[in-house]
mmCIF file of all heavy atoms, coordinates in Angstrom:
data_MODEL
# 
_entry.id   MODEL 
# 
loop_
_atom_site.group_PDB 
_atom_site.id 
_atom_site.type_symbol 
_atom_site.label_atom_id 
_atom_site.label_alt_id 
_atom_site.label_comp_id 
_atom_site.label_asym_id 
_atom_site.label_entity_id 
_atom_site.label_seq_id 
_atom_site.pdbx_PDB_ins_code 
_atom_site.Cartn_x 
_atom_site.Cartn_y 
_atom_site.Cartn_z 
_atom_site.occupancy 
_atom_site.B_iso_or_equiv 
_atom_site.pdbx_formal_charge 
_atom_site.auth_seq_id 
_atom_site.auth_comp_id 
_atom_site.auth_asym_id 
_atom_site.auth_atom_id 
_atom_site.pdbx_PDB_model_num 
ATOM 1   N N   . GLN A 1 1  ? -23.850 38.478 -33.325 1.00 0.00 ? 1  GLN A N   1 
ATOM 2   C CA  . GLN A 1 1  ? -22.597 38.473 -32.657 1.00 0.00 ? 1  GLN A CA  1 
ATOM 3   C C   . GLN A 1 1  ? -22.484 37.175 -32.037 1.00 0.00 ? 1  GLN A C   1 
ATOM 4   O O   . GLN A 1 1  ? -23.486 36.587 -31.612 1.00 0.00 ? 1  GLN A O   1 
ATOM 5   C CB  . GLN A 1 1  ? -22.631 39.558 -31.554 1.00 0.00 ? 1  GLN A CB  1 
ATOM 6   C CG  . GLN A 1 1  ? -22.674 40.988 -31.989 1.00 0.00 ? 1  GLN A CG  1 
ATOM 7   C CD  . GLN A 1 1  ? -23.003 41.923 -30.797 1.00 0.00 ? 1  GLN A CD  1 
ATOM 8   O OE1 . GLN A 1 1  ? -24.087 41.894 -30.300 1.00 0.00 ? 1  GLN A OE1 1 
ATOM 9   N NE2 . GLN A 1 1  ? -21.919 42.665 -30.442 1.00 0.00 ? 1  GLN A NE2 1 
ATOM 10  N N   . VAL A 1 2  ? -21.240 36.639 -32.099 1.00 0.00 ? 2  VAL A N   1 
ATOM 11  C CA  . VAL A 1 2  ? -21.039 35.242 -31.500 1.00 0.00 ? 2  VAL A CA  1 
ATOM 12  C C   . VAL A 1 2  ? -19.848 35.231 -30.658 1.00 0.00 ? 2  VAL A C   1 
ATOM 13  O O   . VAL A 1 2  ? -18.908 35.985 -30.754 1.00 0.00 ? 2  VAL A O   1 
ATOM 14  C CB  . VAL A 1 2  ? -20.884 34.228 -32.696 1.00 0.00 ? 2  VAL A CB  1 
ATOM 15  C CG1 . VAL A 1 2  ? -22.135 34.173 -33.507 1.00 0.00 ? 2  VAL A CG1 1 
ATOM 16  C CG2 . VAL A 1 2  ? -19.666 34.511 -33.470 1.00 0.00 ? 2  VAL A CG2 1 
ATOM 17  N N   . ILE A 1 3  ? -19.877 34.311 -29.678 1.00 0.00 ? 3  ILE A N   1 
ATOM 18  C CA  . ILE A 1 3  ? -18.722 33.879 -28.882 1.00 0.00 ? 3  ILE A CA  1 
ATOM 19  C C   . ILE A 1 3  ? -18.457 32.463 -29.313 1.00 0.00 ? 3  ILE A C   1 
ATOM 20  O O   . ILE A 1 3  ? -19.321 31.579 -29.157 1.00 0.00 ? 3  ILE A O   1 
ATOM 21  C CB  . ILE A 1 3  ? -18.984 34.013 -27.383 1.00 0.00 ? 3  ILE A CB  1 
ATOM 22  C CG1 . ILE A 1 3  ? -19.230 35.472 -27.012 1.00 0.00 ? 3  ILE A CG1 1 
ATOM 23  C CG2 . ILE A 1 3  ? -17.723 33.471 -26.597 1.00 0.00 ? 3  ILE A CG2 1 
ATOM 24  C CD1 . ILE A 1 3  ? -19.679 35.660 -25.570 1.00 0.00 ? 3  ILE A CD1 1 
ATOM 25  N N   . ARG A 1 4  ? -17.252 32.145 -29.879 1.00 0.00 ? 4  ARG A N   1 
ATOM 26  C CA  . ARG A 1 4  ? -17.021 30.791 -30.327 1.00 0.00 ? 4  ARG A CA  1 
ATOM 27  C C   . ARG A 1 4  ? -15.556 30.451 -30.121 1.00 0.00 ? 4  ARG A C   1 
ATOM 28  O O   . ARG A 1 4  ? -14.647 31.350 -29.926 1.00 0.00 ? 4  ARG A O   1 
ATOM 29  C CB  . ARG A 1 4  ? -17.350 30.634 -31.780 1.00 0.00 ? 4  ARG A CB  1 
ATOM 30  C CG  . ARG A 1 4  ? -16.526 31.546 -32.748 1.00 0.00 ? 4  ARG A CG  1 
ATOM 31  C CD  . ARG A 1 4  ? -16.765 31.107 -34.179 1.00 0.00 ? 4  ARG A CD  1 
ATOM 32  N NE  . ARG A 1 4  ? -16.077 31.969 -35.149 1.00 0.00 ? 4  ARG A NE  1 
ATOM 33  C CZ  . ARG A 1 4  ? -14.771 31.764 -35.517 1.00 0.00 ? 4  ARG A CZ  1 
ATOM 34  N NH1 . ARG A 1 4  ? -14.121 30.829 -34.979 1.00 0.00 ? 4  ARG A NH1 1 
ATOM 35  N NH2 . ARG A 1 4  ? -14.261 32.600 -36.483 1.00 0.00 ? 4  ARG A NH2 1 
ATOM 36  N N   . TRP A 1 5  ? -15.295 29.181 -30.140 1.00 0.00 ? 5  TRP A N   1 
ATOM 37  C CA  . TRP A 1 5  ? -13.866 28.690 -30.140 1.00 0.00 ? 5  TRP A CA  1 
ATOM 38  C C   . TRP A 1 5  ? -13.232 29.011 -31.518 1.00 0.00 ? 5  TRP A C   1 
ATOM 39  O O   . TRP A 1 5  ? -13.966 28.880 -32.494 1.00 0.00 ? 5  TRP A O   1 
ATOM 40  C CB  . TRP A 1 5  ? -13.775 27.217 -29.794 1.00 0.00 ? 5  TRP A CB  1 
ATOM 41  C CG  . TRP A 1 5  ? -14.318 26.905 -28.462 1.00 0.00 ? 5  TRP A CG  1 
ATOM 42  C CD1 . TRP A 1 5  ? -15.497 26.370 -28.126 1.00 0.00 ? 5  TRP A CD1 1 
ATOM 43  C CD2 . TRP A 1 5  ? -13.593 27.041 -27.213 1.00 0.00 ? 5  TRP A CD2 1 
ATOM 44  N NE1 . TRP A 1 5  ? -15.595 26.191 -26.732 1.00 0.00 ? 5  TRP A NE1 1 
ATOM 45  C CE2 . TRP A 1 5  ? -14.441 26.572 -26.172 1.00 0.00 ? 5  TRP A CE2 1 
ATOM 46  C CE3 . TRP A 1 5  ? -12.311 27.539 -26.905 1.00 0.00 ? 5  TRP A CE3 1 
ATOM 47  C CZ2 . TRP A 1 5  ? -14.073 26.628 -24.827 1.00 0.00 ? 5  TRP A CZ2 1 
ATOM 48  C CZ3 . TRP A 1 5  ? -11.975 27.553 -25.582 1.00 0.00 ? 5  TRP A CZ3 1 
ATOM 49  C CH2 . TRP A 1 5  ? -12.798 27.126 -24.534 1.00 0.00 ? 5  TRP A CH2 1 
ATOM 50  N N   . LEU A 1 6  ? -12.043 29.369 -31.516 1.00 0.00 ? 6  LEU A N   1 
ATOM 51  C CA  . LEU A 1 6  ? -11.364 29.749 -32.726 1.00 0.00 ? 6  LEU A CA  1 
ATOM 52  C C   . LEU A 1 6  ? -11.385 28.489 -33.676 1.00 0.00 ? 6  LEU A C   1 
ATOM 53  O O   . LEU A 1 6  ? -10.945 27.363 -33.277 1.00 0.00 ? 6  LEU A O   1 
ATOM 54  C CB  . LEU A 1 6  ? -9.921  30.165 -32.475 1.00 0.00 ? 6  LEU A CB  1 
ATOM 55  C CG  . LEU A 1 6  ? -9.232  30.868 -33.614 1.00 0.00 ? 6  LEU A CG  1 
ATOM 56  C CD1 . LEU A 1 6  ? -9.858  32.295 -33.729 1.00 0.00 ? 6  LEU A CD1 1 
ATOM 57  C CD2 . LEU A 1 6  ? -7.726  31.075 -33.270 1.00 0.00 ? 6  LEU A CD2 1 
ATOM 58  N N   . GLU A 1 7  ? -11.999 28.607 -34.890 1.00 0.00 ? 7  GLU A N   1 
ATOM 59  C CA  . GLU A 1 7  ? -12.168 27.466 -35.762 1.00 0.00 ? 7  GLU A CA  1 
ATOM 60  C C   . GLU A 1 7  ? -12.955 26.334 -35.141 1.00 0.00 ? 7  GLU A C   1 
ATOM 61  O O   . GLU A 1 7  ? -12.714 25.194 -35.506 1.00 0.00 ? 7  GLU A O   1 
ATOM 62  C CB  . GLU A 1 7  ? -10.798 26.959 -36.224 1.00 0.00 ? 7  GLU A CB  1 
ATOM 63  C CG  . GLU A 1 7  ? -9.968  28.041 -36.964 1.00 0.00 ? 7  GLU A CG  1 
ATOM 64  C CD  . GLU A 1 7  ? -8.583  27.575 -37.354 1.00 0.00 ? 7  GLU A CD  1 
ATOM 65  O OE1 . GLU A 1 7  ? -8.232  26.458 -37.012 1.00 0.00 ? 7  GLU A OE1 1 
ATOM 66  O OE2 . GLU A 1 7  ? -7.930  28.266 -38.102 1.00 0.00 ? 7  GLU A OE2 1 
ATOM 67  N N   . GLY A 1 8  ? -13.897 26.675 -34.257 1.00 0.00 ? 8  GLY A N   1 
ATOM 68  C CA  . GLY A 1 8  ? -14.663 25.634 -33.629 1.00 0.00 ? 8  GLY A CA  1 
ATOM 69  C C   . GLY A 1 8  ? -16.079 26.057 -33.363 1.00 0.00 ? 8  GLY A C   1 
ATOM 70  O O   . GLY A 1 8  ? -16.640 26.933 -34.023 1.00 0.00 ? 8  GLY A O   1 
ATOM 71  N N   . GLU A 1 9  ? -16.752 25.389 -32.377 1.00 0.00 ? 9  GLU A N   1 
ATOM 72  C CA  . GLU A 1 9  ? -18.180 25.569 -32.157 1.00 0.00 ? 9  GLU A CA  1 
ATOM 73  C C   . GLU A 1 9  ? -18.547 26.883 -31.497 1.00 0.00 ? 9  GLU A C   1 
ATOM 74  O O   . GLU A 1 9  ? -17.714 27.471 -30.760 1.00 0.00 ? 9  GLU A O   1 
ATOM 75  C CB  . GLU A 1 9  ? -18.680 24.434 -31.264 1.00 0.00 ? 9  GLU A CB  1 
ATOM 76  C CG  . GLU A 1 9  ? -18.052 24.393 -29.879 1.00 0.00 ? 9  GLU A CG  1 
ATOM 77  C CD  . GLU A 1 9  ? -18.686 23.303 -29.039 1.00 0.00 ? 9  GLU A CD  1 
ATOM 78  O OE1 . GLU A 1 9  ? -19.822 22.984 -29.142 1.00 0.00 ? 9  GLU A OE1 1 
ATOM 79  O OE2 . GLU A 1 9  ? -17.921 22.835 -28.140 1.00 0.00 ? 9  GLU A OE2 1 
ATOM 80  N N   . GLU A 1 10 ? -19.775 27.312 -31.781 1.00 0.00 ? 10 GLU A N   1 
ATOM 81  C CA  . GLU A 1 10 ? -20.291 28.463 -31.102 1.00 0.00 ? 10 GLU A CA  1 
ATOM 82  C C   . GLU A 1 10 ? -20.678 28.154 -29.726 1.00 0.00 ? 10 GLU A C   1 
ATOM 83  O O   . GLU A 1 10 ? -21.169 27.145 -29.390 1.00 0.00 ? 10 GLU A O   1 
ATOM 84  C CB  . GLU A 1 10 ? -21.508 29.054 -31.898 1.00 0.00 ? 10 GLU A CB  1 
ATOM 85  C CG  . GLU A 1 10 ? -21.178 29.737 -33.157 1.00 0.00 ? 10 GLU A CG  1 
ATOM 86  C CD  . GLU A 1 10 ? -22.455 30.347 -33.762 1.00 0.00 ? 10 GLU A CD  1 
ATOM 87  O OE1 . GLU A 1 10 ? -23.523 30.335 -33.163 1.00 0.00 ? 10 GLU A OE1 1 
ATOM 88  O OE2 . GLU A 1 10 ? -22.378 30.828 -34.932 1.00 0.00 ? 10 GLU A OE2 1 
ATOM 89  N N   . VAL A 1 11 ? -20.524 29.195 -28.815 1.00 0.00 ? 11 VAL A N   1 
ATOM 90  C CA  . VAL A 1 11 ? -20.974 29.050 -27.453 1.00 0.00 ? 11 VAL A CA  1 
ATOM 91  C C   . VAL A 1 11 ? -22.192 30.002 -27.161 1.00 0.00 ? 11 VAL A C   1 
ATOM 92  O O   . VAL A 1 11 ? -23.129 29.618 -26.501 1.00 0.00 ? 11 VAL A O   1 
ATOM 93  C CB  . VAL A 1 11 ? -19.812 29.364 -26.491 1.00 0.00 ? 11 VAL A CB  1 
ATOM 94  C CG1 . VAL A 1 11 ? -20.292 29.254 -25.024 1.00 0.00 ? 11 VAL A CG1 1 
ATOM 95  C CG2 . VAL A 1 11 ? -18.682 28.466 -26.714 1.00 0.00 ? 11 VAL A CG2 1 
ATOM 96  N N   . VAL A 1 12 ? -22.137 31.201 -27.672 1.00 0.00 ? 12 VAL A N   1 
ATOM 97  C CA  . VAL A 1 12 ? -23.173 32.220 -27.507 1.00 0.00 ? 12 VAL A CA  1 
ATOM 98  C C   . VAL A 1 12 ? -23.472 32.772 -28.914 1.00 0.00 ? 12 VAL A C   1 
ATOM 99  O O   . VAL A 1 12 ? -22.517 33.146 -29.603 1.00 0.00 ? 12 VAL A O   1 
ATOM 100 C CB  . VAL A 1 12 ? -22.839 33.301 -26.559 1.00 0.00 ? 12 VAL A CB  1 
ATOM 101 C CG1 . VAL A 1 12 ? -23.939 34.313 -26.393 1.00 0.00 ? 12 VAL A CG1 1 
ATOM 102 C CG2 . VAL A 1 12 ? -22.512 32.652 -25.147 1.00 0.00 ? 12 VAL A CG2 1 
ATOM 103 N N   . ASN A 1 13 ? -24.749 33.026 -29.191 1.00 0.00 ? 13 ASN A N   1 
ATOM 104 C CA  . ASN A 1 13 ? -25.136 33.634 -30.410 1.00 0.00 ? 13 ASN A CA  1 
ATOM 105 C C   . ASN A 1 13 ? -26.241 34.686 -30.132 1.00 0.00 ? 13 ASN A C   1 
ATOM 106 O O   . ASN A 1 13 ? -27.292 34.411 -29.516 1.00 0.00 ? 13 ASN A O   1 
ATOM 107 C CB  . ASN A 1 13 ? -25.686 32.644 -31.439 1.00 0.00 ? 13 ASN A CB  1 
ATOM 108 C CG  . ASN A 1 13 ? -26.049 33.221 -32.736 1.00 0.00 ? 13 ASN A CG  1 
ATOM 109 O OD1 . ASN A 1 13 ? -26.792 34.146 -32.906 1.00 0.00 ? 13 ASN A OD1 1 
ATOM 110 N ND2 . ASN A 1 13 ? -25.427 32.652 -33.825 1.00 0.00 ? 13 ASN A ND2 1 
ATOM 111 N N   . SER A 1 14 ? -25.991 35.945 -30.477 1.00 0.00 ? 14 SER A N   1 
ATOM 112 C CA  . SER A 1 14 ? -26.957 37.034 -30.171 1.00 0.00 ? 14 SER A CA  1 
ATOM 113 C C   . SER A 1 14 ? -28.314 36.877 -30.762 1.00 0.00 ? 14 SER A C   1 
ATOM 114 O O   . SER A 1 14 ? -29.354 37.229 -30.194 1.00 0.00 ? 14 SER A O   1 
ATOM 115 C CB  . SER A 1 14 ? -26.357 38.379 -30.612 1.00 0.00 ? 14 SER A CB  1 
ATOM 116 O OG  . SER A 1 14 ? -26.216 38.458 -32.023 1.00 0.00 ? 14 SER A OG  1 
ATOM 117 N N   . ARG A 1 15 ? -28.394 36.256 -31.959 1.00 0.00 ? 15 ARG A N   1 
ATOM 118 C CA  . ARG A 1 15 ? -29.728 36.026 -32.608 1.00 0.00 ? 15 ARG A CA  1 
ATOM 119 C C   . ARG A 1 15 ? -30.508 34.997 -31.783 1.00 0.00 ? 15 ARG A C   1 
ATOM 120 O O   . ARG A 1 15 ? -31.735 35.133 -31.689 1.00 0.00 ? 15 ARG A O   1 
ATOM 121 C CB  . ARG A 1 15 ? -29.504 35.510 -34.011 1.00 0.00 ? 15 ARG A CB  1 
ATOM 122 C CG  . ARG A 1 15 ? -28.647 36.519 -34.897 1.00 0.00 ? 15 ARG A CG  1 
ATOM 123 C CD  . ARG A 1 15 ? -29.555 37.568 -35.436 1.00 0.00 ? 15 ARG A CD  1 
ATOM 124 N NE  . ARG A 1 15 ? -30.353 37.217 -36.541 1.00 0.00 ? 15 ARG A NE  1 
ATOM 125 C CZ  . ARG A 1 15 ? -31.163 38.052 -37.240 1.00 0.00 ? 15 ARG A CZ  1 
ATOM 126 N NH1 . ARG A 1 15 ? -31.241 39.310 -36.815 1.00 0.00 ? 15 ARG A NH1 1 
ATOM 127 N NH2 . ARG A 1 15 ? -31.870 37.656 -38.222 1.00 0.00 ? 15 ARG A NH2 1 
ATOM 128 N N   . GLU A 1 16 ? -29.863 33.969 -31.263 1.00 0.00 ? 16 GLU A N   1 
ATOM 129 C CA  . GLU A 1 16 ? -30.649 33.089 -30.461 1.00 0.00 ? 16 GLU A CA  1 
ATOM 130 C C   . GLU A 1 16 ? -31.083 33.691 -29.153 1.00 0.00 ? 16 GLU A C   1 
ATOM 131 O O   . GLU A 1 16 ? -32.200 33.404 -28.747 1.00 0.00 ? 16 GLU A O   1 
ATOM 132 C CB  . GLU A 1 16 ? -29.666 31.828 -30.131 1.00 0.00 ? 16 GLU A CB  1 
ATOM 133 C CG  . GLU A 1 16 ? -29.386 30.946 -31.278 1.00 0.00 ? 16 GLU A CG  1 
ATOM 134 C CD  . GLU A 1 16 ? -28.510 29.790 -30.873 1.00 0.00 ? 16 GLU A CD  1 
ATOM 135 O OE1 . GLU A 1 16 ? -28.306 29.582 -29.704 1.00 0.00 ? 16 GLU A OE1 1 
ATOM 136 O OE2 . GLU A 1 16 ? -28.049 29.143 -31.813 1.00 0.00 ? 16 GLU A OE2 1 
ATOM 137 N N   . LEU A 1 17 ? -30.307 34.614 -28.575 1.00 0.00 ? 17 LEU A N   1 
ATOM 138 C CA  . LEU A 1 17 ? -30.678 35.345 -27.385 1.00 0.00 ? 17 LEU A CA  1 
ATOM 139 C C   . LEU A 1 17 ? -31.907 36.192 -27.730 1.00 0.00 ? 17 LEU A C   1 
ATOM 140 O O   . LEU A 1 17 ? -32.899 36.277 -26.948 1.00 0.00 ? 17 LEU A O   1 
ATOM 141 C CB  . LEU A 1 17 ? -29.598 36.243 -26.862 1.00 0.00 ? 17 LEU A CB  1 
ATOM 142 C CG  . LEU A 1 17 ? -28.470 35.564 -26.092 1.00 0.00 ? 17 LEU A CG  1 
ATOM 143 C CD1 . LEU A 1 17 ? -27.380 36.590 -25.738 1.00 0.00 ? 17 LEU A CD1 1 
ATOM 144 C CD2 . LEU A 1 17 ? -29.027 34.939 -24.786 1.00 0.00 ? 17 LEU A CD2 1 
ATOM 145 N N   . GLU A 1 18 ? -31.873 36.881 -28.919 1.00 0.00 ? 18 GLU A N   1 
ATOM 146 C CA  . GLU A 1 18 ? -33.001 37.736 -29.300 1.00 0.00 ? 18 GLU A CA  1 
ATOM 147 C C   . GLU A 1 18 ? -34.274 36.956 -29.478 1.00 0.00 ? 18 GLU A C   1 
ATOM 148 O O   . GLU A 1 18 ? -35.383 37.342 -29.053 1.00 0.00 ? 18 GLU A O   1 
ATOM 149 C CB  . GLU A 1 18 ? -32.660 38.439 -30.599 1.00 0.00 ? 18 GLU A CB  1 
ATOM 150 C CG  . GLU A 1 18 ? -31.638 39.524 -30.458 1.00 0.00 ? 18 GLU A CG  1 
ATOM 151 C CD  . GLU A 1 18 ? -31.233 40.162 -31.802 1.00 0.00 ? 18 GLU A CD  1 
ATOM 152 O OE1 . GLU A 1 18 ? -31.563 39.598 -32.793 1.00 0.00 ? 18 GLU A OE1 1 
ATOM 153 O OE2 . GLU A 1 18 ? -30.547 41.234 -31.770 1.00 0.00 ? 18 GLU A OE2 1 
ATOM 154 N N   . ARG A 1 19 ? -34.201 35.701 -30.009 1.00 0.00 ? 19 ARG A N   1 
ATOM 155 C CA  . ARG A 1 19 ? -35.371 34.884 -30.200 1.00 0.00 ? 19 ARG A CA  1 
ATOM 156 C C   . ARG A 1 19 ? -35.947 34.483 -28.818 1.00 0.00 ? 19 ARG A C   1 
ATOM 157 O O   . ARG A 1 19 ? -37.213 34.448 -28.708 1.00 0.00 ? 19 ARG A O   1 
ATOM 158 C CB  . ARG A 1 19 ? -35.001 33.642 -31.016 1.00 0.00 ? 19 ARG A CB  1 
ATOM 159 C CG  . ARG A 1 19 ? -34.946 33.896 -32.539 1.00 0.00 ? 19 ARG A CG  1 
ATOM 160 C CD  . ARG A 1 19 ? -34.945 32.597 -33.331 1.00 0.00 ? 19 ARG A CD  1 
ATOM 161 N NE  . ARG A 1 19 ? -33.623 31.988 -33.199 1.00 0.00 ? 19 ARG A NE  1 
ATOM 162 C CZ  . ARG A 1 19 ? -32.597 32.174 -34.020 1.00 0.00 ? 19 ARG A CZ  1 
ATOM 163 N NH1 . ARG A 1 19 ? -32.750 33.028 -34.963 1.00 0.00 ? 19 ARG A NH1 1 
ATOM 164 N NH2 . ARG A 1 19 ? -31.398 31.619 -33.898 1.00 0.00 ? 19 ARG A NH2 1 
ATOM 165 N N   . LYS A 1 20 ? -35.200 34.229 -27.867 1.00 0.00 ? 20 LYS A N   1 
ATOM 166 C CA  . LYS A 1 20 ? -35.613 33.816 -26.567 1.00 0.00 ? 20 LYS A CA  1 
ATOM 167 C C   . LYS A 1 20 ? -36.203 35.037 -25.735 1.00 0.00 ? 20 LYS A C   1 
ATOM 168 O O   . LYS A 1 20 ? -37.175 34.923 -24.994 1.00 0.00 ? 20 LYS A O   1 
ATOM 169 C CB  . LYS A 1 20 ? -34.524 33.186 -25.788 1.00 0.00 ? 20 LYS A CB  1 
ATOM 170 C CG  . LYS A 1 20 ? -34.061 31.871 -26.344 1.00 0.00 ? 20 LYS A CG  1 
ATOM 171 C CD  . LYS A 1 20 ? -32.847 31.243 -25.595 1.00 0.00 ? 20 LYS A CD  1 
ATOM 172 C CE  . LYS A 1 20 ? -32.438 29.917 -26.127 1.00 0.00 ? 20 LYS A CE  1 
ATOM 173 N NZ  . LYS A 1 20 ? -31.208 29.405 -25.501 1.00 0.00 ? 20 LYS A NZ  1 
ATOM 174 N N   . ILE A 1 21 ? -35.536 36.208 -25.906 1.00 0.00 ? 21 ILE A N   1 
ATOM 175 C CA  . ILE A 1 21 ? -35.927 37.347 -25.088 1.00 0.00 ? 21 ILE A CA  1 
ATOM 176 C C   . ILE A 1 21 ? -37.013 38.197 -25.778 1.00 0.00 ? 21 ILE A C   1 
ATOM 177 O O   . ILE A 1 21 ? -37.848 38.816 -25.173 1.00 0.00 ? 21 ILE A O   1 
ATOM 178 C CB  . ILE A 1 21 ? -34.668 38.215 -24.821 1.00 0.00 ? 21 ILE A CB  1 
ATOM 179 C CG1 . ILE A 1 21 ? -33.660 37.423 -23.950 1.00 0.00 ? 21 ILE A CG1 1 
ATOM 180 C CG2 . ILE A 1 21 ? -35.075 39.521 -24.132 1.00 0.00 ? 21 ILE A CG2 1 
ATOM 181 C CD1 . ILE A 1 21 ? -32.326 38.173 -23.753 1.00 0.00 ? 21 ILE A CD1 1 
ATOM 182 N N   . GLY A 1 22 ? -37.006 38.143 -27.138 1.00 0.00 ? 22 GLY A N   1 
ATOM 183 C CA  . GLY A 1 22 ? -38.012 38.959 -27.947 1.00 0.00 ? 22 GLY A CA  1 
ATOM 184 C C   . GLY A 1 22 ? -37.674 40.363 -28.126 1.00 0.00 ? 22 GLY A C   1 
ATOM 185 O O   . GLY A 1 22 ? -38.458 41.198 -28.527 1.00 0.00 ? 22 GLY A O   1 
ATOM 186 N N   . LYS A 1 23 ? -36.393 40.756 -27.934 1.00 0.00 ? 23 LYS A N   1 
ATOM 187 C CA  . LYS A 1 23 ? -35.852 42.128 -28.081 1.00 0.00 ? 23 LYS A CA  1 
ATOM 188 C C   . LYS A 1 23 ? -34.453 42.135 -28.690 1.00 0.00 ? 23 LYS A C   1 
ATOM 189 O O   . LYS A 1 23 ? -33.822 41.042 -28.635 1.00 0.00 ? 23 LYS A O   1 
ATOM 190 C CB  . LYS A 1 23 ? -35.913 42.896 -26.787 1.00 0.00 ? 23 LYS A CB  1 
ATOM 191 C CG  . LYS A 1 23 ? -37.305 43.081 -26.156 1.00 0.00 ? 23 LYS A CG  1 
ATOM 192 C CD  . LYS A 1 23 ? -37.198 43.877 -24.844 1.00 0.00 ? 23 LYS A CD  1 
ATOM 193 C CE  . LYS A 1 23 ? -38.567 44.075 -24.276 1.00 0.00 ? 23 LYS A CE  1 
ATOM 194 N NZ  . LYS A 1 23 ? -38.506 44.834 -22.933 1.00 0.00 ? 23 LYS A NZ  1 
ATOM 195 N N   . GLU A 1 24 ? -34.068 43.265 -29.222 1.00 0.00 ? 24 GLU A N   1 
ATOM 196 C CA  . GLU A 1 24 ? -32.788 43.428 -29.823 1.00 0.00 ? 24 GLU A CA  1 
ATOM 197 C C   . GLU A 1 24 ? -31.671 43.303 -28.728 1.00 0.00 ? 24 GLU A C   1 
ATOM 198 O O   . GLU A 1 24 ? -31.840 43.904 -27.711 1.00 0.00 ? 24 GLU A O   1 
ATOM 199 C CB  . GLU A 1 24 ? -32.566 44.748 -30.576 1.00 0.00 ? 24 GLU A CB  1 
ATOM 200 C CG  . GLU A 1 24 ? -33.179 44.764 -31.932 1.00 0.00 ? 24 GLU A CG  1 
ATOM 201 C CD  . GLU A 1 24 ? -32.723 45.895 -32.784 1.00 0.00 ? 24 GLU A CD  1 
ATOM 202 O OE1 . GLU A 1 24 ? -31.950 46.698 -32.303 1.00 0.00 ? 24 GLU A OE1 1 
ATOM 203 O OE2 . GLU A 1 24 ? -33.067 45.975 -33.954 1.00 0.00 ? 24 GLU A OE2 1 
ATOM 204 N N   . VAL A 1 25 ? -30.673 42.477 -29.017 1.00 0.00 ? 25 VAL A N   1 
ATOM 205 C CA  . VAL A 1 25 ? -29.677 42.249 -27.987 1.00 0.00 ? 25 VAL A CA  1 
ATOM 206 C C   . VAL A 1 25 ? -28.294 42.649 -28.490 1.00 0.00 ? 25 VAL A C   1 
ATOM 207 O O   . VAL A 1 25 ? -27.943 42.401 -29.691 1.00 0.00 ? 25 VAL A O   1 
ATOM 208 C CB  . VAL A 1 25 ? -29.619 40.715 -27.618 1.00 0.00 ? 25 VAL A CB  1 
ATOM 209 C CG1 . VAL A 1 25 ? -28.376 40.319 -26.870 1.00 0.00 ? 25 VAL A CG1 1 
ATOM 210 C CG2 . VAL A 1 25 ? -30.878 40.357 -26.763 1.00 0.00 ? 25 VAL A CG2 1 
ATOM 211 N N   . LEU A 1 26 ? -27.496 43.292 -27.634 1.00 0.00 ? 26 LEU A N   1 
ATOM 212 C CA  . LEU A 1 26 ? -26.107 43.602 -27.963 1.00 0.00 ? 26 LEU A CA  1 
ATOM 213 C C   . LEU A 1 26 ? -25.216 42.950 -27.072 1.00 0.00 ? 26 LEU A C   1 
ATOM 214 O O   . LEU A 1 26 ? -25.290 43.121 -25.786 1.00 0.00 ? 26 LEU A O   1 
ATOM 215 C CB  . LEU A 1 26 ? -25.860 45.125 -27.884 1.00 0.00 ? 26 LEU A CB  1 
ATOM 216 C CG  . LEU A 1 26 ? -24.438 45.603 -28.228 1.00 0.00 ? 26 LEU A CG  1 
ATOM 217 C CD1 . LEU A 1 26 ? -24.226 45.584 -29.679 1.00 0.00 ? 26 LEU A CD1 1 
ATOM 218 C CD2 . LEU A 1 26 ? -24.280 46.974 -27.696 1.00 0.00 ? 26 LEU A CD2 1 
ATOM 219 N N   . LEU A 1 27 ? -24.253 42.084 -27.418 1.00 0.00 ? 27 LEU A N   1 
ATOM 220 C CA  . LEU A 1 27 ? -23.304 41.418 -26.631 1.00 0.00 ? 27 LEU A CA  1 
ATOM 221 C C   . LEU A 1 27 ? -22.292 42.491 -26.246 1.00 0.00 ? 27 LEU A C   1 
ATOM 222 O O   . LEU A 1 27 ? -21.776 43.259 -27.107 1.00 0.00 ? 27 LEU A O   1 
ATOM 223 C CB  . LEU A 1 27 ? -22.622 40.265 -27.341 1.00 0.00 ? 27 LEU A CB  1 
ATOM 224 C CG  . LEU A 1 27 ? -23.474 39.004 -27.585 1.00 0.00 ? 27 LEU A CG  1 
ATOM 225 C CD1 . LEU A 1 27 ? -22.546 37.898 -28.223 1.00 0.00 ? 27 LEU A CD1 1 
ATOM 226 C CD2 . LEU A 1 27 ? -23.992 38.509 -26.286 1.00 0.00 ? 27 LEU A CD2 1 
# 
């Protein structure tokens, strides 16, 4: 799951959060 600017850069990515937290994440 991602939060991004329309046709632009990502701001939040659930997979990156999972890697940092070590558990499944749901935005």
